[in-house]
Amino acid sequence: MQNYKLISKKGEGTFSEVIKAQNTQSFKFHAIKCMKGHFEDIKQVNNLREIQAIRKLSPHPNIVALDEVLFDQPTGRLALVF
């Protein structure tokens, strides 16, 4: 997350919140979906249906591209960068 400057919160749901952020190296804007749940390991993260579906469907012109998956092992926090 240190590669991103958080701009503003765009929305919140039951399982996650979406934040507008800017990459500090490329200066491109991204949407970062921060999951509220905590995960034990990277295997559990990779088994999420949302991540599997996005990877299976991309690249597609009507599907937002998943740029990066940020997982912090010590805290169990997960963020998806679009």
Protein backbone atom coordinates (compact mmCIF):
# COMPACT_ATOMS: atom_id res chain seq x y z
CA MET A 1 0.00 0.00 0.00
CA GLN A 2 2.99 2.32 0.34
CA ASN A 3 3.06 2.64 -3.47
CA TYR A 4 -0.34 4.33 -3.37
CA LYS A 5 -1.54 7.69 -2.09
CA LEU A 6 -5.09 7.32 -0.80
CA ILE A 7 -7.35 10.06 -2.15
CA SER A 8 -10.91 9.38 -0.96
CA LYS A 9 -13.36 6.70 0.04
CA LYS A 10 -15.81 5.98 -2.80
CA GLY A 11 -18.10 3.36 -1.31
CA GLU A 12 -18.64 0.68 1.28
CA GLY A 13 -20.42 -2.65 1.34
CA THR A 14 -20.85 -5.58 3.67
CA PHE A 15 -17.54 -7.24 2.81
CA SER A 16 -15.33 -4.40 1.54
CA GLU A 17 -14.81 -0.69 0.94
CA VAL A 18 -13.54 1.01 -2.21
CA ILE A 19 -10.93 3.77 -2.07
CA LYS A 20 -9.67 6.02 -4.85
CA ALA A 21 -5.87 6.02 -4.87
CA GLN A 22 -2.99 7.30 -6.98
CA ASN A 23 0.13 5.30 -7.74
CA THR A 24 3.11 7.28 -6.45
CA GLN A 25 5.41 6.03 -9.21
CA SER A 26 3.24 6.14 -12.35
CA PHE A 27 0.74 8.76 -11.04
CA LYS A 28 -2.16 6.71 -12.45
CA PHE A 29 -5.42 6.57 -10.53
CA HIS A 30 -6.73 3.23 -9.27
CA ALA A 31 -9.67 1.86 -7.32
CA ILE A 32 -8.55 -0.21 -4.34
CA LYS A 33 -11.04 -2.64 -2.86
CA CYS A 34 -10.08 -3.29 0.77
CA MET A 35 -11.65 -6.47 2.10
CA LYS A 36 -13.01 -6.27 5.66
CA GLY A 37 -12.39 -9.93 6.43
CA HIS A 38 -9.06 -11.32 7.53
CA PHE A 39 -7.33 -14.18 5.74
CA GLU A 40 -4.94 -16.77 7.10
CA ASP A 41 -2.67 -17.29 4.10
CA ILE A 42 -2.20 -16.58 0.39
CA LYS A 43 -3.82 -19.92 -0.52
CA GLN A 44 -7.06 -18.79 1.10
CA VAL A 45 -6.85 -15.51 -0.84
CA ASN A 46 -6.29 -17.26 -4.17
CA ASN A 47 -9.34 -19.48 -3.52
CA LEU A 48 -11.70 -16.50 -3.32
CA ARG A 49 -14.37 -16.79 -6.01
CA GLU A 50 -14.05 -13.10 -6.92
CA ILE A 51 -10.34 -13.35 -7.67
CA GLN A 52 -10.74 -16.61 -9.58
CA ALA A 53 -13.56 -15.16 -11.70
CA ILE A 54 -11.68 -11.97 -12.55
CA ARG A 55 -8.55 -13.90 -13.54
CA LYS A 56 -10.57 -16.34 -15.66
CA LEU A 57 -12.53 -13.61 -17.47
CA SER A 58 -9.70 -11.17 -18.18
CA PRO A 59 -8.75 -9.74 -20.52
CA HIS A 60 -12.24 -8.76 -21.63
CA PRO A 61 -13.38 -5.28 -22.74
CA ASN A 62 -16.31 -5.28 -20.28
CA ILE A 63 -14.41 -6.56 -17.23
CA VAL A 64 -12.27 -4.24 -15.11
CA ALA A 65 -8.66 -5.44 -15.07
CA LEU A 66 -7.18 -6.57 -11.77
CA ASP A 67 -3.78 -4.87 -11.61
CA GLU A 68 -2.48 -6.15 -8.29
CA VAL A 69 -3.42 -8.22 -5.24
CA LEU A 70 -1.99 -6.83 -2.00
CA PHE A 71 -1.92 -9.28 0.91
CA ASP A 72 -0.34 -8.47 4.26
CA GLN A 73 0.53 -11.80 5.89
CA PRO A 74 0.99 -10.57 9.51
CA THR A 75 -2.38 -8.77 9.68
CA GLY A 76 -4.32 -10.92 7.19
CA ARG A 77 -5.56 -7.84 5.31
CA LEU A 78 -6.35 -8.06 1.59
CA ALA A 79 -6.68 -5.30 -1.02
CA LEU A 80 -7.47 -5.64 -4.73
CA VAL A 81 -6.10 -2.93 -7.01
CA PHE A 82 -8.11 -2.22 -10.18
